[in-house]
Amino acid sequence: GRGKSGAALIVSRTGAMVLPVGIRTKNQKPRIFRKVTV
């Protein structure tokens, strides 16, 4: 979905780097016994 500004606001106040992470699975939704890639 569309990202909101909350994360960027906290970054601006801390000078932090951002670690992007993607969670992906078949048919989008995690289910029991369904493999997920982080």
PDB file of all heavy atoms in Angstrom:
ATOM      1  N   GLY A   1       0.817  -1.203   0.000  1.00  0.00           N
ATOM      2  CA  GLY A   1       0.000   0.000   0.000  1.00  0.00           C
ATOM      3  C   GLY A   1       0.853   1.257   0.000  1.00  0.00           C
ATOM      4  O   GLY A   1       2.070   1.214  -0.136  1.00  0.00           O
ATOM      5  N   ARG A   2       0.197   2.389   0.167  1.00  0.00           N
ATOM      6  CA  ARG A   2       0.887   3.677   0.186  1.00  0.00           C
ATOM      7  C   ARG A   2       1.520   3.899   1.558  1.00  0.00           C
ATOM      8  O   ARG A   2       0.905   3.667   2.592  1.00  0.00           O
ATOM      9  CB  ARG A   2      -0.092   4.802  -0.123  1.00  0.00           C
ATOM     10  CG  ARG A   2       0.553   6.191  -0.175  1.00  0.00           C
ATOM     11  CD  ARG A   2      -0.510   7.242  -0.423  1.00  0.00           C
ATOM     12  NE  ARG A   2      -1.142   7.051  -1.729  1.00  0.00           N
ATOM     13  CZ  ARG A   2      -0.663   7.538  -2.857  1.00  0.00           C
ATOM     14  NH1 ARG A   2       0.463   8.256  -2.845  1.00  0.00           N
ATOM     15  NH2 ARG A   2      -1.298   7.347  -3.998  1.00  0.00           N
ATOM     16  N   GLY A   3       2.753   4.345   1.574  1.00  0.00           N
ATOM     17  CA  GLY A   3       3.437   4.605   2.818  1.00  0.00           C
ATOM     18  C   GLY A   3       3.021   5.928   3.449  1.00  0.00           C
ATOM     19  O   GLY A   3       2.815   6.914   2.740  1.00  0.00           O
ATOM     20  N   LYS A   4       2.870   5.928   4.757  1.00  0.00           N
ATOM     21  CA  LYS A   4       2.571   7.156   5.481  1.00  0.00           C
ATOM     22  C   LYS A   4       3.879   7.809   5.940  1.00  0.00           C
ATOM     23  O   LYS A   4       4.948   7.223   5.826  1.00  0.00           O
ATOM     24  CB  LYS A   4       1.654   6.852   6.656  1.00  0.00           C
ATOM     25  CG  LYS A   4       0.301   6.289   6.213  1.00  0.00           C
ATOM     26  CD  LYS A   4      -0.622   6.048   7.389  1.00  0.00           C
ATOM     27  CE  LYS A   4      -1.970   5.508   6.920  1.00  0.00           C
ATOM     28  NZ  LYS A   4      -2.896   5.245   8.061  1.00  0.00           N
ATOM     29  N   SER A   5       3.780   8.996   6.495  1.00  0.00           N
ATOM     30  CA  SER A   5       4.989   9.777   6.785  1.00  0.00           C
ATOM     31  C   SER A   5       5.585   9.502   8.160  1.00  0.00           C
ATOM     32  O   SER A   5       6.616  10.080   8.503  1.00  0.00           O
ATOM     33  CB  SER A   5       4.671  11.270   6.670  1.00  0.00           C
ATOM     34  OG  SER A   5       3.667  11.648   7.610  1.00  0.00           O
ATOM     35  N   GLY A   6       4.967   8.632   8.965  1.00  0.00           N
ATOM     36  CA  GLY A   6       5.442   8.407  10.328  1.00  0.00           C
ATOM     37  C   GLY A   6       6.879   7.933  10.404  1.00  0.00           C
ATOM     38  O   GLY A   6       7.668   8.425  11.219  1.00  0.00           O
ATOM     39  N   ALA A   7       7.239   6.969   9.555  1.00  0.00           N
ATOM     40  CA  ALA A   7       8.607   6.445   9.570  1.00  0.00           C
ATOM     41  C   ALA A   7       9.603   7.543   9.205  1.00  0.00           C
ATOM     42  O   ALA A   7      10.642   7.704   9.862  1.00  0.00           O
ATOM     43  CB  ALA A   7       8.729   5.275   8.604  1.00  0.00           C
ATOM     44  N   ALA A   8       9.291   8.302   8.147  1.00  0.00           N
ATOM     45  CA  ALA A   8      10.185   9.375   7.722  1.00  0.00           C
ATOM     46  C   ALA A   8      10.327  10.438   8.804  1.00  0.00           C
ATOM     47  O   ALA A   8      11.413  11.008   9.001  1.00  0.00           O
ATOM     48  CB  ALA A   8       9.662  10.009   6.427  1.00  0.00           C
ATOM     49  N   LEU A   9       9.248  10.709   9.532  1.00  0.00           N
ATOM     50  CA  LEU A   9       9.299  11.695  10.608  1.00  0.00           C
ATOM     51  C   LEU A   9      10.274  11.259  11.699  1.00  0.00           C
ATOM     52  O   LEU A   9      11.087  12.060  12.173  1.00  0.00           O
ATOM     53  CB  LEU A   9       7.907  11.880  11.211  1.00  0.00           C
ATOM     54  CG  LEU A   9       7.808  12.815  12.425  1.00  0.00           C
ATOM     55  CD1 LEU A   9       8.229  14.229  12.052  1.00  0.00           C
ATOM     56  CD2 LEU A   9       6.388  12.804  12.988  1.00  0.00           C
ATOM     57  N   ILE A  10      10.216   9.990  12.093  1.00  0.00           N
ATOM     58  CA  ILE A  10      11.121   9.488  13.126  1.00  0.00           C
ATOM     59  C   ILE A  10      12.563   9.486  12.625  1.00  0.00           C
ATOM     60  O   ILE A  10      13.492   9.827  13.360  1.00  0.00           O
ATOM     61  CB  ILE A  10      10.688   8.083  13.578  1.00  0.00           C
ATOM     62  CG1 ILE A  10       9.294   8.150  14.220  1.00  0.00           C
ATOM     63  CG2 ILE A  10      11.685   7.494  14.570  1.00  0.00           C
ATOM     64  CD1 ILE A  10       8.690   6.793  14.527  1.00  0.00           C
ATOM     65  N   VAL A  11      12.748   9.131  11.359  1.00  0.00           N
ATOM     66  CA  VAL A  11      14.093   9.177  10.772  1.00  0.00           C
ATOM     67  C   VAL A  11      14.638  10.600  10.814  1.00  0.00           C
ATOM     68  O   VAL A  11      15.798  10.835  11.164  1.00  0.00           O
ATOM     69  CB  VAL A  11      14.073   8.649   9.320  1.00  0.00           C
ATOM     70  CG1 VAL A  11      15.437   8.876   8.656  1.00  0.00           C
ATOM     71  CG2 VAL A  11      13.726   7.168   9.293  1.00  0.00           C
ATOM     72  N   SER A  12      13.790  11.577  10.483  1.00  0.00           N
ATOM     73  CA  SER A  12      14.247  12.972  10.443  1.00  0.00           C
ATOM     74  C   SER A  12      14.667  13.462  11.815  1.00  0.00           C
ATOM     75  O   SER A  12      15.534  14.333  11.936  1.00  0.00           O
ATOM     76  CB  SER A  12      13.132  13.869   9.872  1.00  0.00           C
ATOM     77  OG  SER A  12      12.054  14.014  10.792  1.00  0.00           O
ATOM     78  N   ARG A  13      14.061  12.925  12.866  1.00  0.00           N
ATOM     79  CA  ARG A  13      14.366  13.373  14.228  1.00  0.00           C
ATOM     80  C   ARG A  13      15.511  12.607  14.872  1.00  0.00           C
ATOM     81  O   ARG A  13      15.974  12.964  15.957  1.00  0.00           O
ATOM     82  CB  ARG A  13      13.113  13.259  15.095  1.00  0.00           C
ATOM     83  CG  ARG A  13      12.017  14.243  14.698  1.00  0.00           C
ATOM     84  CD  ARG A  13      10.761  14.098  15.526  1.00  0.00           C
ATOM     85  NE  ARG A  13      11.018  14.249  16.949  1.00  0.00           N
ATOM     86  CZ  ARG A  13      10.077  14.129  17.906  1.00  0.00           C
ATOM     87  NH1 ARG A  13       8.827  13.867  17.561  1.00  0.00           N
ATOM     88  NH2 ARG A  13      10.391  14.266  19.174  1.00  0.00           N
ATOM     89  N   THR A  14      15.981  11.542  14.214  1.00  0.00           N
ATOM     90  CA  THR A  14      17.045  10.719  14.804  1.00  0.00           C
ATOM     91  C   THR A  14      18.309  10.648  13.966  1.00  0.00           C
ATOM     92  O   THR A  14      19.358  10.260  14.463  1.00  0.00           O
ATOM     93  CB  THR A  14      16.536   9.281  15.013  1.00  0.00           C
ATOM     94  OG1 THR A  14      16.109   8.734  13.753  1.00  0.00           O
ATOM     95  CG2 THR A  14      15.376   9.247  16.009  1.00  0.00           C
ATOM     96  N   GLY A  15      18.209  10.999  12.675  1.00  0.00           N
ATOM     97  CA  GLY A  15      19.367  10.868  11.802  1.00  0.00           C
ATOM     98  C   GLY A  15      19.694   9.420  11.494  1.00  0.00           C
ATOM     99  O   GLY A  15      20.826   9.094  11.123  1.00  0.00           O
ATOM    100  N   ALA A  16      18.708   8.543  11.631  1.00  0.00           N
ATOM    101  CA  ALA A  16      18.946   7.106  11.463  1.00  0.00           C
ATOM    102  C   ALA A  16      19.004   6.708   9.994  1.00  0.00           C
ATOM    103  O   ALA A  16      18.408   7.347   9.131  1.00  0.00           O
ATOM    104  CB  ALA A  16      17.846   6.316  12.166  1.00  0.00           C
ATOM    105  N   MET A  17      19.720   5.631   9.733  1.00  0.00           N
ATOM    106  CA  MET A  17      19.643   4.978   8.432  1.00  0.00           C
ATOM    107  C   MET A  17      18.375   4.129   8.417  1.00  0.00           C
ATOM    108  O   MET A  17      17.807   3.808   9.468  1.00  0.00           O
ATOM    109  CB  MET A  17      20.874   4.104   8.187  1.00  0.00           C
ATOM    110  CG  MET A  17      20.941   2.858   9.053  1.00  0.00           C
ATOM    111  SD  MET A  17      22.457   1.886   8.792  1.00  0.00           S
ATOM    112  CE  MET A  17      23.567   2.741   9.920  1.00  0.00           C
ATOM    113  N   VAL A  18      17.911   3.763   7.232  1.00  0.00           N
ATOM    114  CA  VAL A  18      16.711   2.942   7.096  1.00  0.00           C
ATOM    115  C   VAL A  18      17.091   1.588   6.519  1.00  0.00           C
ATOM    116  O   VAL A  18      17.781   1.512   5.500  1.00  0.00           O
ATOM    117  CB  VAL A  18      15.667   3.621   6.190  1.00  0.00           C
ATOM    118  CG1 VAL A  18      14.508   2.676   5.891  1.00  0.00           C
ATOM    119  CG2 VAL A  18      15.137   4.894   6.848  1.00  0.00           C
ATOM    120  N   LEU A  19      16.651   0.523   7.177  1.00  0.00           N
ATOM    121  CA  LEU A  19      16.874  -0.839   6.685  1.00  0.00           C
ATOM    122  C   LEU A  19      15.569  -1.328   6.051  1.00  0.00           C
ATOM    123  O   LEU A  19      14.617  -1.663   6.755  1.00  0.00           O
ATOM    124  CB  LEU A  19      17.273  -1.762   7.837  1.00  0.00           C
ATOM    125  CG  LEU A  19      17.461  -3.244   7.482  1.00  0.00           C
ATOM    126  CD1 LEU A  19      18.625  -3.412   6.499  1.00  0.00           C
ATOM    127  CD2 LEU A  19      17.690  -4.078   8.747  1.00  0.00           C
ATOM    128  N   PRO A  20      15.494  -1.376   4.709  1.00  0.00           N
ATOM    129  CA  PRO A  20      14.265  -1.837   4.061  1.00  0.00           C
ATOM    130  C   PRO A  20      14.186  -3.365   4.081  1.00  0.00           C
ATOM    131  O   PRO A  20      15.183  -4.060   3.855  1.00  0.00           O
ATOM    132  CB  PRO A  20      14.403  -1.311   2.634  1.00  0.00           C
ATOM    133  CG  PRO A  20      15.882  -1.253   2.399  1.00  0.00           C
ATOM    134  CD  PRO A  20      16.507  -0.955   3.736  1.00  0.00           C
ATOM    135  N   VAL A  21      12.990  -3.875   4.356  1.00  0.00           N
ATOM    136  CA  VAL A  21      12.774  -5.321   4.413  1.00  0.00           C
ATOM    137  C   VAL A  21      11.489  -5.655   3.677  1.00  0.00           C
ATOM    138  O   VAL A  21      10.493  -4.924   3.779  1.00  0.00           O
ATOM    139  CB  VAL A  21      12.671  -5.830   5.871  1.00  0.00           C
ATOM    140  CG1 VAL A  21      12.585  -7.358   5.892  1.00  0.00           C
ATOM    141  CG2 VAL A  21      13.855  -5.367   6.699  1.00  0.00           C
ATOM    142  N   GLY A  22      11.511  -6.755   2.942  1.00  0.00           N
ATOM    143  CA  GLY A  22      10.313  -7.219   2.250  1.00  0.00           C
ATOM    144  C   GLY A  22       9.950  -8.626   2.682  1.00  0.00           C
ATOM    145  O   GLY A  22      10.806  -9.509   2.720  1.00  0.00           O
ATOM    146  N   ILE A  23       8.696  -8.831   3.052  1.00  0.00           N
ATOM    147  CA  ILE A  23       8.192 -10.159   3.389  1.00  0.00           C
ATOM    148  C   ILE A  23       7.278 -10.605   2.251  1.00  0.00           C
ATOM    149  O   ILE A  23       6.309  -9.927   1.923  1.00  0.00           O
ATOM    150  CB  ILE A  23       7.426 -10.151   4.727  1.00  0.00           C
ATOM    151  CG1 ILE A  23       8.377  -9.778   5.869  1.00  0.00           C
ATOM    152  CG2 ILE A  23       6.785 -11.515   4.987  1.00  0.00           C
ATOM    153  CD1 ILE A  23       7.708  -9.702   7.224  1.00  0.00           C
ATOM    154  N   ARG A  24       7.610 -11.750   1.675  1.00  0.00           N
ATOM    155  CA  ARG A  24       6.901 -12.191   0.471  1.00  0.00           C
ATOM    156  C   ARG A  24       6.517 -13.662   0.604  1.00  0.00           C
ATOM    157  O   ARG A  24       7.288 -14.475   1.123  1.00  0.00           O
ATOM    158  CB  ARG A  24       7.798 -12.004  -0.752  1.00  0.00           C
ATOM    159  CG  ARG A  24       7.161 -12.353  -2.086  1.00  0.00           C
ATOM    160  CD  ARG A  24       8.089 -12.051  -3.259  1.00  0.00           C
ATOM    161  NE  ARG A  24       9.192 -13.006  -3.356  1.00  0.00           N
ATOM    162  CZ  ARG A  24      10.459 -12.720  -3.064  1.00  0.00           C
ATOM    163  NH1 ARG A  24      10.790 -11.513  -2.648  1.00  0.00           N
ATOM    164  NH2 ARG A  24      11.396 -13.628  -3.188  1.00  0.00           N
ATOM    165  N   THR A  25       5.322 -14.013   0.151  1.00  0.00           N
ATOM    166  CA  THR A  25       4.879 -15.403   0.157  1.00  0.00           C
ATOM    167  C   THR A  25       3.957 -15.637  -1.021  1.00  0.00           C
ATOM    168  O   THR A  25       3.438 -14.682  -1.621  1.00  0.00           O
ATOM    169  CB  THR A  25       4.157 -15.744   1.475  1.00  0.00           C
ATOM    170  OG1 THR A  25       3.908 -17.153   1.513  1.00  0.00           O
ATOM    171  CG2 THR A  25       2.841 -15.007   1.583  1.00  0.00           C
ATOM    172  N   LYS A  26       3.737 -16.885  -1.352  1.00  0.00           N
ATOM    173  CA  LYS A  26       2.846 -17.229  -2.451  1.00  0.00           C
ATOM    174  C   LYS A  26       1.431 -16.788  -2.117  1.00  0.00           C
ATOM    175  O   LYS A  26       0.957 -16.972  -1.005  1.00  0.00           O
ATOM    176  CB  LYS A  26       2.877 -18.741  -2.691  1.00  0.00           C
ATOM    177  CG  LYS A  26       2.086 -19.187  -3.911  1.00  0.00           C
ATOM    178  CD  LYS A  26       2.216 -20.685  -4.110  1.00  0.00           C
ATOM    179  CE  LYS A  26       1.427 -21.136  -5.341  1.00  0.00           C
ATOM    180  NZ  LYS A  26       1.540 -22.610  -5.529  1.00  0.00           N
ATOM    181  N   ASN A  27       0.758 -16.182  -3.077  1.00  0.00           N
ATOM    182  CA  ASN A  27      -0.604 -15.668  -2.883  1.00  0.00           C
ATOM    183  C   ASN A  27      -0.666 -14.594  -1.803  1.00  0.00           C
ATOM    184  O   ASN A  27      -1.713 -14.401  -1.177  1.00  0.00           O
ATOM    185  CB  ASN A  27      -1.572 -16.812  -2.558  1.00  0.00           C
ATOM    186  CG  ASN A  27      -1.658 -17.827  -3.688  1.00  0.00           C
ATOM    187  OD1 ASN A  27      -1.558 -17.479  -4.855  1.00  0.00           O
ATOM    188  ND2 ASN A  27      -1.825 -19.090  -3.329  1.00  0.00           N
ATOM    189  N   GLN A  28       0.454 -13.923  -1.552  1.00  0.00           N
ATOM    190  CA  GLN A  28       0.549 -12.748  -0.682  1.00  0.00           C
ATOM    191  C   GLN A  28       0.389 -13.023   0.813  1.00  0.00           C
ATOM    192  O   GLN A  28       1.106 -12.469   1.621  1.00  0.00           O
ATOM    193  CB  GLN A  28      -0.455 -11.658  -1.092  1.00  0.00           C
ATOM    194  CG  GLN A  28      -0.067 -10.878  -2.335  1.00  0.00           C
ATOM    195  CD  GLN A  28      -0.444 -11.584  -3.599  1.00  0.00           C
ATOM    196  OE1 GLN A  28      -1.499 -12.195  -3.678  1.00  0.00           O
ATOM    197  NE2 GLN A  28       0.410 -11.507  -4.599  1.00  0.00           N
ATOM    198  N   LYS A  29      -0.548 -13.865   1.231  1.00  0.00           N
ATOM    199  CA  LYS A  29      -0.852 -14.008   2.647  1.00  0.00           C
ATOM    200  C   LYS A  29      -0.144 -15.219   3.263  1.00  0.00           C
ATOM    201  O   LYS A  29      -0.260 -16.331   2.764  1.00  0.00           O
ATOM    202  CB  LYS A  29      -2.365 -14.153   2.859  1.00  0.00           C
ATOM    203  CG  LYS A  29      -3.141 -12.874   2.582  1.00  0.00           C
ATOM    204  CD  LYS A  29      -2.843 -11.833   3.638  1.00  0.00           C
ATOM    205  CE  LYS A  29      -3.728 -10.608   3.444  1.00  0.00           C
ATOM    206  NZ  LYS A  29      -3.487  -9.599   4.483  1.00  0.00           N
ATOM    207  N   PRO A  30       0.610 -15.019   4.389  1.00  0.00           N
ATOM    208  CA  PRO A  30       1.226 -16.155   5.079  1.00  0.00           C
ATOM    209  C   PRO A  30       0.158 -17.098   5.634  1.00  0.00           C
ATOM    210  O   PRO A  30      -0.874 -16.673   6.132  1.00  0.00           O
ATOM    211  CB  PRO A  30       2.004 -15.492   6.220  1.00  0.00           C
ATOM    212  CG  PRO A  30       2.209 -14.080   5.783  1.00  0.00           C
ATOM    213  CD  PRO A  30       0.986 -13.738   4.992  1.00  0.00           C
ATOM    214  N   ARG A  31       0.405 -18.398   5.509  1.00  0.00           N
ATOM    215  CA  ARG A  31      -0.473 -19.422   6.054  1.00  0.00           C
ATOM    216  C   ARG A  31       0.400 -20.522   6.666  1.00  0.00           C
ATOM    217  O   ARG A  31       1.583 -20.630   6.353  1.00  0.00           O
ATOM    218  CB  ARG A  31      -1.362 -20.034   4.963  1.00  0.00           C
ATOM    219  CG  ARG A  31      -2.360 -19.076   4.345  1.00  0.00           C
ATOM    220  CD  ARG A  31      -3.529 -18.785   5.269  1.00  0.00           C
ATOM    221  NE  ARG A  31      -4.582 -18.022   4.595  1.00  0.00           N
ATOM    222  CZ  ARG A  31      -4.629 -16.704   4.527  1.00  0.00           C
ATOM    223  NH1 ARG A  31      -3.664 -15.984   5.074  1.00  0.00           N
ATOM    224  NH2 ARG A  31      -5.613 -16.081   3.910  1.00  0.00           N
ATOM    225  N   ILE A  32      -0.179 -21.341   7.516  1.00  0.00           N
ATOM    226  CA  ILE A  32       0.559 -22.427   8.120  1.00  0.00           C
ATOM    227  C   ILE A  32       1.121 -23.354   7.034  1.00  0.00           C
ATOM    228  O   ILE A  32       0.438 -23.661   6.050  1.00  0.00           O
ATOM    229  CB  ILE A  32      -0.338 -23.205   9.108  1.00  0.00           C
ATOM    230  CG1 ILE A  32       0.511 -24.185   9.934  1.00  0.00           C
ATOM    231  CG2 ILE A  32      -1.481 -23.906   8.399  1.00  0.00           C
ATOM    232  CD1 ILE A  32      -0.222 -24.792  11.106  1.00  0.00           C
ATOM    233  N   PHE A  33       2.392 -23.720   7.187  1.00  0.00           N
ATOM    234  CA  PHE A  33       3.137 -24.584   6.268  1.00  0.00           C
ATOM    235  C   PHE A  33       3.432 -23.934   4.914  1.00  0.00           C
ATOM    236  O   PHE A  33       3.932 -24.594   4.016  1.00  0.00           O
ATOM    237  CB  PHE A  33       2.428 -25.929   6.043  1.00  0.00           C
ATOM    238  CG  PHE A  33       2.164 -26.698   7.307  1.00  0.00           C
ATOM    239  CD1 PHE A  33       0.907 -27.223   7.558  1.00  0.00           C
ATOM    240  CD2 PHE A  33       3.171 -26.899   8.236  1.00  0.00           C
ATOM    241  CE1 PHE A  33       0.656 -27.932   8.728  1.00  0.00           C
ATOM    242  CE2 PHE A  33       2.936 -27.608   9.409  1.00  0.00           C
ATOM    243  CZ  PHE A  33       1.672 -28.122   9.654  1.00  0.00           C
ATOM    244  N   ARG A  34       3.114 -22.662   4.756  1.00  0.00           N
ATOM    245  CA  ARG A  34       3.398 -21.962   3.501  1.00  0.00           C
ATOM    246  C   ARG A  34       4.679 -21.150   3.676  1.00  0.00           C
ATOM    247  O   ARG A  34       4.785 -20.326   4.567  1.00  0.00           O
ATOM    248  CB  ARG A  34       2.241 -21.042   3.118  1.00  0.00           C
ATOM    249  CG  ARG A  34       2.455 -20.296   1.798  1.00  0.00           C
ATOM    250  CD  ARG A  34       1.278 -19.391   1.494  1.00  0.00           C
ATOM    251  NE  ARG A  34       0.068 -20.156   1.185  1.00  0.00           N
ATOM    252  CZ  ARG A  34      -1.122 -19.604   1.012  1.00  0.00           C
ATOM    253  NH1 ARG A  34      -1.274 -18.301   1.141  1.00  0.00           N
ATOM    254  NH2 ARG A  34      -2.174 -20.363   0.736  1.00  0.00           N
ATOM    255  N   LYS A  35       5.646 -21.377   2.823  1.00  0.00           N
ATOM    256  CA  LYS A  35       6.962 -20.759   2.984  1.00  0.00           C
ATOM    257  C   LYS A  35       6.929 -19.262   2.710  1.00  0.00           C
ATOM    258  O   LYS A  35       6.291 -18.798   1.768  1.00  0.00           O
ATOM    259  CB  LYS A  35       7.980 -21.416   2.059  1.00  0.00           C
ATOM    260  CG  LYS A  35       9.422 -21.023   2.354  1.00  0.00           C
ATOM    261  CD  LYS A  35      10.383 -21.865   1.544  1.00  0.00           C
ATOM    262  CE  LYS A  35      11.824 -21.549   1.911  1.00  0.00           C
ATOM    263  NZ  LYS A  35      12.780 -22.390   1.146  1.00  0.00           N
ATOM    264  N   VAL A  36       7.644 -18.533   3.547  1.00  0.00           N
ATOM    265  CA  VAL A  36       7.751 -17.080   3.444  1.00  0.00           C
ATOM    266  C   VAL A  36       9.212 -16.712   3.201  1.00  0.00           C
ATOM    267  O   VAL A  36      10.123 -17.367   3.733  1.00  0.00           O
ATOM    268  CB  VAL A  36       7.244 -16.408   4.738  1.00  0.00           C
ATOM    269  CG1 VAL A  36       7.665 -14.953   4.808  1.00  0.00           C
ATOM    270  CG2 VAL A  36       5.728 -16.509   4.830  1.00  0.00           C
ATOM    271  N   THR A  37       9.443 -15.700   2.406  1.00  0.00           N
ATOM    272  CA  THR A  37      10.799 -15.191   2.192  1.00  0.00           C
ATOM    273  C   THR A  37      10.916 -13.808   2.814  1.00  0.00           C
ATOM    274  O   THR A  37      10.117 -12.916   2.520  1.00  0.00           O
ATOM    275  CB  THR A  37      11.133 -15.099   0.688  1.00  0.00           C
ATOM    276  OG1 THR A  37      11.030 -16.397   0.097  1.00  0.00           O
ATOM    277  CG2 THR A  37      12.552 -14.585   0.487  1.00  0.00           C
ATOM    278  N   VAL A  38      11.897 -13.662   3.693  1.00  0.00           N
ATOM    279  CA  VAL A  38      12.182 -12.378   4.331  1.00  0.00           C
ATOM    280  C   VAL A  38      13.468 -11.847   3.717  1.00  0.00           C
ATOM    281  O   VAL A  38      14.533 -12.453   3.854  1.00  0.00           O
ATOM    282  CB  VAL A  38      12.353 -12.526   5.856  1.00  0.00           C
ATOM    283  CG1 VAL A  38      12.595 -11.162   6.500  1.00  0.00           C
ATOM    284  CG2 VAL A  38      11.133 -13.201   6.475  1.00  0.00           C
TER     285      VAL A  38
END
